[in-house]
Amino acid sequence: MGPVDEGNILRAGVLSGHAWLRHGFGTRACGLTRPPAGYAHSRVLMLHQIHSGLVWPDPAPGQPGDGILTRTAGRLLAIRTADCCPILIADVRRRAVAAVHAGWRGALARIAEKAVGEMHRQYGSEPADLRAALGPSIRACCYEVGDELRQHFRARFDYAAALFQPAAEDPVQSRYPMLFLTGSPPGHPGDPRWNPVPRLRFDLAQALARQLAAAGMSTAAVEILPFCTACRSDLFYSHRRGDQGRMLSAIGVLA
């Protein structure tokens, strides 16, 4: 079951169909102002996001971190994104939920795996009972990075090679290569000031999905919503595009 658009809020099929559960991925049309129906704004819990691997059960509002867990009925967990990936997780047996903010730093810190592990530690959640949705984020089609990031992931993940692909060639540079030739002083063969490093495309959503799989979740229980925030300026804010706004994604247990 794919994503459903309900009044500028996207919902994942894998998280739908549970009467006790509410969730939604906001678009730029609703920004930070419209949590899913059924909650008062005073019940919305948000962290001070710092691009970390920190995950907290029922933290104080504004606590530094990037992952939140709860089993408290009537509490809505919310995160803000504009290219980073929002991850919403539900334990459909124990009625526990998690909301995670994950950019490349969070992915490098294994925040998706940590969220699943912390749900097990706090609530006894088993991977077989978990359902997860990865919301709109910048995708490999637009996420251009340098080789340094690939090296960081290679040092921590044996599947890192699958997360990076060469960026599309510059058509001007391909046609007129002599205009882009550089030379480096002796002793500086790899200095990017003289020899620019080839650019790469990074698949953030795939990196996070692999972490959920490594934590024991089945691929059928993980849904990746098919939206790139950088491509779809009509629907989403994008930090790389220079937008100032943020989208709200949220999940919670009804009272």
C-alpha atoms as a PDB file:
ATOM      1  CA  MET A   1       0.000   0.000   0.000  1.00  0.00           C
ATOM      2  CA  GLY A   2       1.482   3.316  -1.038  1.00  0.00           C
ATOM      3  CA  PRO A   3       1.378   6.824   0.450  1.00  0.00           C
ATOM      4  CA  VAL A   4      -1.951   8.630   0.743  1.00  0.00           C
ATOM      5  CA  ASP A   5      -2.378  12.414   0.379  1.00  0.00           C
ATOM      6  CA  GLU A   6      -4.969  13.680   2.860  1.00  0.00           C
ATOM      7  CA  GLY A   7      -5.264  17.450   2.799  1.00  0.00           C
ATOM      8  CA  ASN A   8      -1.545  18.293   2.399  1.00  0.00           C
ATOM      9  CA  ILE A   9      -0.490  15.560   4.841  1.00  0.00           C
ATOM     10  CA  LEU A  10       1.027  12.335   3.494  1.00  0.00           C
ATOM     11  CA  ARG A  11       0.357   9.058   5.241  1.00  0.00           C
ATOM     12  CA  ALA A  12       2.216   5.773   4.791  1.00  0.00           C
ATOM     13  CA  GLY A  13       0.295   2.620   4.013  1.00  0.00           C
ATOM     14  CA  VAL A  14       2.464   0.559   6.353  1.00  0.00           C
ATOM     15  CA  LEU A  15       1.389   2.725   9.324  1.00  0.00           C
ATOM     16  CA  SER A  16      -2.268   3.008   8.380  1.00  0.00           C
ATOM     17  CA  GLY A  17      -5.167   0.831   9.509  1.00  0.00           C
ATOM     18  CA  HIS A  18      -4.499   0.975  13.268  1.00  0.00           C
ATOM     19  CA  ALA A  19      -7.263   2.795  15.153  1.00  0.00           C
ATOM     20  CA  TRP A  20      -4.959   3.742  18.045  1.00  0.00           C
ATOM     21  CA  LEU A  21      -2.232   5.227  15.831  1.00  0.00           C
ATOM     22  CA  ARG A  22      -2.008   8.635  14.157  1.00  0.00           C
ATOM     23  CA  HIS A  23       0.809   9.744  11.888  1.00  0.00           C
ATOM     24  CA  GLY A  24       1.554  12.100   9.040  1.00  0.00           C
ATOM     25  CA  PHE A  25       4.288  13.666   6.914  1.00  0.00           C
ATOM     26  CA  GLY A  26       3.660  17.354   6.346  1.00  0.00           C
ATOM     27  CA  THR A  27       4.166  19.273   3.114  1.00  0.00           C
ATOM     28  CA  ARG A  28       5.081  22.915   2.636  1.00  0.00           C
ATOM     29  CA  ALA A  29       1.370  23.692   2.450  1.00  0.00           C
ATOM     30  CA  CYS A  30       0.991  22.900   6.172  1.00  0.00           C
ATOM     31  CA  GLY A  31       4.521  23.573   7.453  1.00  0.00           C
ATOM     32  CA  LEU A  32       4.752  23.495  11.257  1.00  0.00           C
ATOM     33  CA  THR A  33       1.177  24.493  11.893  1.00  0.00           C
ATOM     34  CA  ARG A  34      -0.919  21.355  11.369  1.00  0.00           C
ATOM     35  CA  PRO A  35      -0.252  18.208  13.358  1.00  0.00           C
ATOM     36  CA  PRO A  36      -2.512  15.288  12.434  1.00  0.00           C
ATOM     37  CA  ALA A  37      -6.116  15.567  13.639  1.00  0.00           C
ATOM     38  CA  GLY A  38      -6.882  14.351  17.163  1.00  0.00           C
ATOM     39  CA  TYR A  39      -4.257  16.295  19.086  1.00  0.00           C
ATOM     40  CA  ALA A  40      -4.006  19.686  20.740  1.00  0.00           C
ATOM     41  CA  HIS A  41      -0.791  21.602  20.049  1.00  0.00           C
ATOM     42  CA  SER A  42       0.095  21.477  23.775  1.00  0.00           C
ATOM     43  CA  ARG A  43       0.540  17.713  23.435  1.00  0.00           C
ATOM     44  CA  VAL A  44       3.119  17.931  20.644  1.00  0.00           C
ATOM     45  CA  LEU A  45       6.636  17.005  21.807  1.00  0.00           C
ATOM     46  CA  MET A  46       9.631  18.253  19.802  1.00  0.00           C
ATOM     47  CA  LEU A  47      13.382  18.053  20.365  1.00  0.00           C
ATOM     48  CA  HIS A  48      16.153  20.546  19.749  1.00  0.00           C
ATOM     49  CA  GLN A  49      17.541  18.708  16.715  1.00  0.00           C
ATOM     50  CA  ILE A  50      21.335  18.582  16.494  1.00  0.00           C
ATOM     51  CA  HIS A  51      22.074  15.995  13.741  1.00  0.00           C
ATOM     52  CA  SER A  52      23.114  13.367  16.268  1.00  0.00           C
ATOM     53  CA  GLY A  53      22.520   9.737  17.120  1.00  0.00           C
ATOM     54  CA  LEU A  54      20.743  10.596  20.386  1.00  0.00           C
ATOM     55  CA  VAL A  55      17.393   8.878  20.999  1.00  0.00           C
ATOM     56  CA  TRP A  56      15.264   9.635  24.097  1.00  0.00           C
ATOM     57  CA  PRO A  57      12.150   8.088  25.671  1.00  0.00           C
ATOM     58  CA  ASP A  58       9.664  10.811  26.688  1.00  0.00           C
ATOM     59  CA  PRO A  59      12.247  13.609  26.949  1.00  0.00           C
ATOM     60  CA  ALA A  60      11.639  17.124  28.177  1.00  0.00           C
ATOM     61  CA  PRO A  61      10.499  19.467  25.384  1.00  0.00           C
ATOM     62  CA  GLY A  62      13.451  21.000  23.567  1.00  0.00           C
ATOM     63  CA  GLN A  63      15.986  18.452  24.812  1.00  0.00           C
ATOM     64  CA  PRO A  64      18.922  18.076  22.383  1.00  0.00           C
ATOM     65  CA  GLY A  65      18.644  14.965  20.239  1.00  0.00           C
ATOM     66  CA  ASP A  66      17.166  13.526  17.064  1.00  0.00           C
ATOM     67  CA  GLY A  67      14.997  10.587  18.092  1.00  0.00           C
ATOM     68  CA  ILE A  68      11.970  10.395  20.397  1.00  0.00           C
ATOM     69  CA  LEU A  69      10.077   7.389  21.796  1.00  0.00           C
ATOM     70  CA  THR A  70       6.837   7.083  23.729  1.00  0.00           C
ATOM     71  CA  ARG A  71       4.003   4.805  24.815  1.00  0.00           C
ATOM     72  CA  THR A  72       2.145   7.689  26.425  1.00  0.00           C
ATOM     73  CA  ALA A  73      -1.359   8.016  25.042  1.00  0.00           C
ATOM     74  CA  GLY A  74      -2.252  11.478  23.778  1.00  0.00           C
ATOM     75  CA  ARG A  75       1.348  12.492  23.110  1.00  0.00           C
ATOM     76  CA  LEU A  76       2.421  13.370  19.567  1.00  0.00           C
ATOM     77  CA  LEU A  77       6.107  13.066  18.629  1.00  0.00           C
ATOM     78  CA  ALA A  78       7.124  15.586  15.974  1.00  0.00           C
ATOM     79  CA  ILE A  79      10.257  16.371  13.993  1.00  0.00           C
ATOM     80  CA  ARG A  80      11.170  19.074  11.474  1.00  0.00           C
ATOM     81  CA  THR A  81      12.919  18.418   8.162  1.00  0.00           C
ATOM     82  CA  ALA A  82      13.844  20.078   4.877  1.00  0.00           C
ATOM     83  CA  ASP A  83      16.005  17.468   3.054  1.00  0.00           C
ATOM     84  CA  CYS A  84      16.860  15.263   6.037  1.00  0.00           C
ATOM     85  CA  CYS A  85      14.771  12.109   6.342  1.00  0.00           C
ATOM     86  CA  PRO A  86      11.902  11.796   8.829  1.00  0.00           C
ATOM     87  CA  ILE A  87      11.426   8.232  10.079  1.00  0.00           C
ATOM     88  CA  LEU A  88       8.231   7.217  11.873  1.00  0.00           C
ATOM     89  CA  ILE A  89       8.165   3.828  13.627  1.00  0.00           C
ATOM     90  CA  ALA A  90       5.327   1.988  15.390  1.00  0.00           C
ATOM     91  CA  ASP A  91       5.238  -1.159  17.482  1.00  0.00           C
ATOM     92  CA  VAL A  92       1.808  -2.427  16.458  1.00  0.00           C
ATOM     93  CA  ARG A  93       1.724  -4.944  19.305  1.00  0.00           C
ATOM     94  CA  ARG A  94       2.832  -2.842  22.271  1.00  0.00           C
ATOM     95  CA  ARG A  95       1.509   0.473  20.953  1.00  0.00           C
ATOM     96  CA  ALA A  96       4.823   2.285  21.186  1.00  0.00           C
ATOM     97  CA  VAL A  97       6.032   4.833  18.637  1.00  0.00           C
ATOM     98  CA  ALA A  98       9.177   6.672  17.596  1.00  0.00           C
ATOM     99  CA  ALA A  99       9.997   9.697  15.456  1.00  0.00           C
ATOM    100  CA  VAL A 100      13.522  10.148  14.089  1.00  0.00           C
ATOM    101  CA  HIS A 101      15.287  13.001  12.279  1.00  0.00           C
ATOM    102  CA  ALA A 102      18.131  11.639  10.131  1.00  0.00           C
ATOM    103  CA  GLY A 103      20.559  13.422   7.860  1.00  0.00           C
ATOM    104  CA  TRP A 104      23.923  12.033   6.808  1.00  0.00           C
ATOM    105  CA  ARG A 105      25.347  12.671  10.282  1.00  0.00           C
ATOM    106  CA  GLY A 106      22.507  10.774  11.917  1.00  0.00           C
ATOM    107  CA  ALA A 107      22.873   7.955   9.412  1.00  0.00           C
ATOM    108  CA  LEU A 108      26.588   7.785  10.119  1.00  0.00           C
ATOM    109  CA  ALA A 109      25.752   7.556  13.840  1.00  0.00           C
ATOM    110  CA  ARG A 110      23.333   4.661  13.107  1.00  0.00           C
ATOM    111  CA  ILE A 111      20.354   6.539  14.519  1.00  0.00           C
ATOM    112  CA  ALA A 112      17.790   4.293  12.801  1.00  0.00           C
ATOM    113  CA  GLU A 113      19.340   1.202  14.360  1.00  0.00           C
ATOM    114  CA  LYS A 114      19.564   2.944  17.722  1.00  0.00           C
ATOM    115  CA  ALA A 115      15.887   3.861  17.631  1.00  0.00           C
ATOM    116  CA  VAL A 116      14.883   0.225  17.118  1.00  0.00           C
ATOM    117  CA  GLY A 117      17.298  -0.911  19.809  1.00  0.00           C
ATOM    118  CA  GLU A 118      16.021   1.673  22.266  1.00  0.00           C
ATOM    119  CA  MET A 119      12.409   0.656  21.613  1.00  0.00           C
ATOM    120  CA  HIS A 120      13.396  -2.894  22.492  1.00  0.00           C
ATOM    121  CA  ARG A 121      15.184  -1.745  25.652  1.00  0.00           C
ATOM    122  CA  GLN A 122      12.406   0.557  26.851  1.00  0.00           C
ATOM    123  CA  TYR A 123       9.287  -1.333  25.800  1.00  0.00           C
ATOM    124  CA  GLY A 124      10.364  -4.839  24.837  1.00  0.00           C
ATOM    125  CA  SER A 125       9.617  -4.145  21.171  1.00  0.00           C
ATOM    126  CA  GLU A 126      10.531  -6.959  18.795  1.00  0.00           C
ATOM    127  CA  PRO A 127      11.542  -6.192  15.183  1.00  0.00           C
ATOM    128  CA  ALA A 128       8.759  -8.427  13.859  1.00  0.00           C
ATOM    129  CA  ASP A 129       6.174  -6.119  15.461  1.00  0.00           C
ATOM    130  CA  LEU A 130       7.636  -2.885  14.086  1.00  0.00           C
ATOM    131  CA  ARG A 131       6.477  -0.909  11.069  1.00  0.00           C
ATOM    132  CA  ALA A 132       8.488   2.044   9.738  1.00  0.00           C
ATOM    133  CA  ALA A 133       7.996   4.734   7.129  1.00  0.00           C
ATOM    134  CA  LEU A 134      10.723   6.940   5.670  1.00  0.00           C
ATOM    135  CA  GLY A 135       9.197  10.230   4.612  1.00  0.00           C
ATOM    136  CA  PRO A 136      10.109  12.749   1.918  1.00  0.00           C
ATOM    137  CA  SER A 137      13.796  13.659   1.887  1.00  0.00           C
ATOM    138  CA  ILE A 138      16.508  14.575  -0.559  1.00  0.00           C
ATOM    139  CA  ARG A 139      17.157  11.523  -2.693  1.00  0.00           C
ATOM    140  CA  ALA A 140      20.106  10.191  -4.644  1.00  0.00           C
ATOM    141  CA  CYS A 141      18.957  12.038  -7.772  1.00  0.00           C
ATOM    142  CA  CYS A 142      19.826  15.358  -6.094  1.00  0.00           C
ATOM    143  CA  TYR A 143      22.063  14.583  -3.095  1.00  0.00           C
ATOM    144  CA  GLU A 144      25.542  15.427  -4.380  1.00  0.00           C
ATOM    145  CA  VAL A 145      28.421  14.854  -1.950  1.00  0.00           C
ATOM    146  CA  GLY A 146      32.201  14.502  -1.972  1.00  0.00           C
ATOM    147  CA  ASP A 147      34.371  11.425  -1.633  1.00  0.00           C
ATOM    148  CA  GLU A 148      35.150  12.308   1.999  1.00  0.00           C
ATOM    149  CA  LEU A 149      31.630  11.310   2.994  1.00  0.00           C
ATOM    150  CA  ARG A 150      31.977   8.003   1.181  1.00  0.00           C
ATOM    151  CA  GLN A 151      35.161   7.305   3.112  1.00  0.00           C
ATOM    152  CA  HIS A 152      33.375   7.983   6.423  1.00  0.00           C
ATOM    153  CA  PHE A 153      30.665   5.469   5.535  1.00  0.00           C
ATOM    154  CA  ARG A 154      33.198   2.914   4.263  1.00  0.00           C
ATOM    155  CA  ALA A 155      34.849   2.980   7.675  1.00  0.00           C
ATOM    156  CA  ARG A 156      31.582   1.998   9.407  1.00  0.00           C
ATOM    157  CA  PHE A 157      29.410   0.053   6.969  1.00  0.00           C
ATOM    158  CA  ASP A 158      30.414  -2.927   4.848  1.00  0.00           C
ATOM    159  CA  TYR A 159      27.679  -2.062   2.329  1.00  0.00           C
ATOM    160  CA  ALA A 160      28.765   1.571   1.900  1.00  0.00           C
ATOM    161  CA  ALA A 161      29.683   1.085  -1.761  1.00  0.00           C
ATOM    162  CA  ALA A 162      26.020   0.506  -2.605  1.00  0.00           C
ATOM    163  CA  LEU A 163      25.033   3.895  -1.158  1.00  0.00           C
ATOM    164  CA  PHE A 164      27.114   6.025  -3.535  1.00  0.00           C
ATOM    165  CA  GLN A 165      27.012   6.442  -7.294  1.00  0.00           C
ATOM    166  CA  PRO A 166      28.980   8.789  -9.584  1.00  0.00           C
ATOM    167  CA  ALA A 167      27.266  12.108 -10.160  1.00  0.00           C
ATOM    168  CA  ALA A 168      26.192  12.960 -13.679  1.00  0.00           C
ATOM    169  CA  GLU A 169      28.956  14.526 -15.732  1.00  0.00           C
ATOM    170  CA  ASP A 170      28.910  18.238 -16.467  1.00  0.00           C
ATOM    171  CA  PRO A 171      27.975  18.433 -20.181  1.00  0.00           C
ATOM    172  CA  VAL A 172      30.171  21.511 -20.680  1.00  0.00           C
ATOM    173  CA  GLN A 173      33.160  19.855 -19.021  1.00  0.00           C
ATOM    174  CA  SER A 174      32.587  16.660 -21.018  1.00  0.00           C
ATOM    175  CA  ARG A 175      32.549  18.592 -24.284  1.00  0.00           C
ATOM    176  CA  TYR A 176      35.430  20.957 -23.506  1.00  0.00           C
ATOM    177  CA  PRO A 177      37.738  19.025 -21.123  1.00  0.00           C
ATOM    178  CA  MET A 178      40.760  21.208 -21.889  1.00  0.00           C
ATOM    179  CA  LEU A 179      39.060  24.171 -20.222  1.00  0.00           C
ATOM    180  CA  PHE A 180      39.002  22.275 -16.922  1.00  0.00           C
ATOM    181  CA  LEU A 181      42.520  20.859 -16.821  1.00  0.00           C
ATOM    182  CA  THR A 182      44.488  21.835 -13.731  1.00  0.00           C
ATOM    183  CA  GLY A 183      47.960  21.183 -12.502  1.00  0.00           C
ATOM    184  CA  SER A 184      49.128  20.693  -8.935  1.00  0.00           C
ATOM    185  CA  PRO A 185      52.404  21.731  -7.319  1.00  0.00           C
ATOM    186  CA  PRO A 186      54.850  18.949  -6.449  1.00  0.00           C
ATOM    187  CA  GLY A 187      53.723  17.061  -3.364  1.00  0.00           C
ATOM    188  CA  HIS A 188      50.041  17.977  -3.701  1.00  0.00           C
ATOM    189  CA  PRO A 189      48.595  15.469  -6.204  1.00  0.00           C
ATOM    190  CA  GLY A 190      45.256  15.137  -4.396  1.00  0.00           C
ATOM    191  CA  ASP A 191      44.754  18.732  -3.321  1.00  0.00           C
ATOM    192  CA  PRO A 192      41.187  19.666  -4.371  1.00  0.00           C
ATOM    193  CA  ARG A 193      42.343  23.226  -5.108  1.00  0.00           C
ATOM    194  CA  TRP A 194      44.265  21.834  -8.072  1.00  0.00           C
ATOM    195  CA  ASN A 195      42.527  18.550  -8.849  1.00  0.00           C
ATOM    196  CA  PRO A 196      38.824  18.667  -7.984  1.00  0.00           C
ATOM    197  CA  VAL A 197      37.497  15.483  -6.382  1.00  0.00           C
ATOM    198  CA  PRO A 198      34.810  13.682  -8.432  1.00  0.00           C
ATOM    199  CA  ARG A 199      31.319  14.284  -7.090  1.00  0.00           C
ATOM    200  CA  LEU A 200      29.027  11.473  -5.928  1.00  0.00           C
ATOM    201  CA  ARG A 201      25.334  10.902  -5.323  1.00  0.00           C
ATOM    202  CA  PHE A 202      24.381   9.634  -1.852  1.00  0.00           C
ATOM    203  CA  ASP A 203      21.270   7.528  -1.210  1.00  0.00           C
ATOM    204  CA  LEU A 204      20.262   8.603   2.297  1.00  0.00           C
ATOM    205  CA  ALA A 205      16.946   6.747   2.328  1.00  0.00           C
ATOM    206  CA  GLN A 206      18.638   3.487   1.341  1.00  0.00           C
ATOM    207  CA  ALA A 207      21.256   3.960   4.049  1.00  0.00           C
ATOM    208  CA  LEU A 208      18.511   4.302   6.666  1.00  0.00           C
ATOM    209  CA  ALA A 209      16.463   1.406   5.297  1.00  0.00           C
ATOM    210  CA  ARG A 210      19.539  -0.818   5.522  1.00  0.00           C
ATOM    211  CA  GLN A 211      19.970   0.203   9.158  1.00  0.00           C
ATOM    212  CA  LEU A 212      16.409  -0.828   9.941  1.00  0.00           C
ATOM    213  CA  ALA A 213      17.083  -4.162   8.223  1.00  0.00           C
ATOM    214  CA  ALA A 214      20.276  -4.565  10.241  1.00  0.00           C
ATOM    215  CA  ALA A 215      18.183  -4.007  13.375  1.00  0.00           C
ATOM    216  CA  GLY A 216      16.021  -6.981  12.386  1.00  0.00           C
ATOM    217  CA  MET A 217      13.093  -5.412  10.535  1.00  0.00           C
ATOM    218  CA  SER A 218      11.848  -7.063   7.355  1.00  0.00           C
ATOM    219  CA  THR A 219      11.897  -5.099   4.109  1.00  0.00           C
ATOM    220  CA  ALA A 220       8.121  -5.539   3.823  1.00  0.00           C
ATOM    221  CA  ALA A 221       7.680  -3.634   7.088  1.00  0.00           C
ATOM    222  CA  VAL A 222       9.625  -0.588   5.846  1.00  0.00           C
ATOM    223  CA  GLU A 223       8.029   1.878   3.426  1.00  0.00           C
ATOM    224  CA  ILE A 224       9.995   4.595   1.621  1.00  0.00           C
ATOM    225  CA  LEU A 225       7.697   7.349   0.395  1.00  0.00           C
ATOM    226  CA  PRO A 226       8.655   8.167  -3.229  1.00  0.00           C
ATOM    227  CA  PHE A 227       9.290  11.895  -2.904  1.00  0.00           C
ATOM    228  CA  CYS A 228      12.488  13.950  -3.271  1.00  0.00           C
ATOM    229  CA  THR A 229      12.344  17.258  -1.423  1.00  0.00           C
ATOM    230  CA  ALA A 230      14.880  18.850  -3.770  1.00  0.00           C
ATOM    231  CA  CYS A 231      12.958  17.833  -6.907  1.00  0.00           C
ATOM    232  CA  ARG A 232       9.464  18.734  -5.723  1.00  0.00           C
ATOM    233  CA  SER A 233       9.572  22.439  -4.959  1.00  0.00           C
ATOM    234  CA  ASP A 234       5.766  22.478  -5.286  1.00  0.00           C
ATOM    235  CA  LEU A 235       5.347  20.136  -2.303  1.00  0.00           C
ATOM    236  CA  PHE A 236       8.370  20.419  -0.035  1.00  0.00           C
ATOM    237  CA  TYR A 237      10.929  22.777   1.442  1.00  0.00           C
ATOM    238  CA  SER A 238      14.562  22.011   0.599  1.00  0.00           C
ATOM    239  CA  HIS A 239      17.534  23.321   2.542  1.00  0.00           C
ATOM    240  CA  ARG A 240      19.828  22.739  -0.420  1.00  0.00           C
ATOM    241  CA  ARG A 241      17.533  24.757  -2.610  1.00  0.00           C
ATOM    242  CA  GLY A 242      17.811  27.620  -0.117  1.00  0.00           C
ATOM    243  CA  ASP A 243      14.336  27.380   1.422  1.00  0.00           C
ATOM    244  CA  GLN A 244      13.881  28.661   4.960  1.00  0.00           C
ATOM    245  CA  GLY A 245      10.763  26.650   5.846  1.00  0.00           C
ATOM    246  CA  ARG A 246      10.552  23.213   7.429  1.00  0.00           C
ATOM    247  CA  MET A 247       8.038  20.383   7.220  1.00  0.00           C
ATOM    248  CA  LEU A 248       6.542  18.692  10.260  1.00  0.00           C
ATOM    249  CA  SER A 249       6.257  14.902  10.517  1.00  0.00           C
ATOM    250  CA  ALA A 250       4.590  13.314  13.499  1.00  0.00           C
ATOM    251  CA  ILE A 251       3.350  10.098  15.086  1.00  0.00           C
ATOM    252  CA  GLY A 252       1.433   9.365  18.253  1.00  0.00           C
ATOM    253  CA  VAL A 253      -0.807   7.076  20.274  1.00  0.00           C
ATOM    254  CA  LEU A 254      -4.391   8.283  20.648  1.00  0.00           C
ATOM    255  CA  ALA A 255      -5.705   8.830  24.154  1.00  0.00           C
END
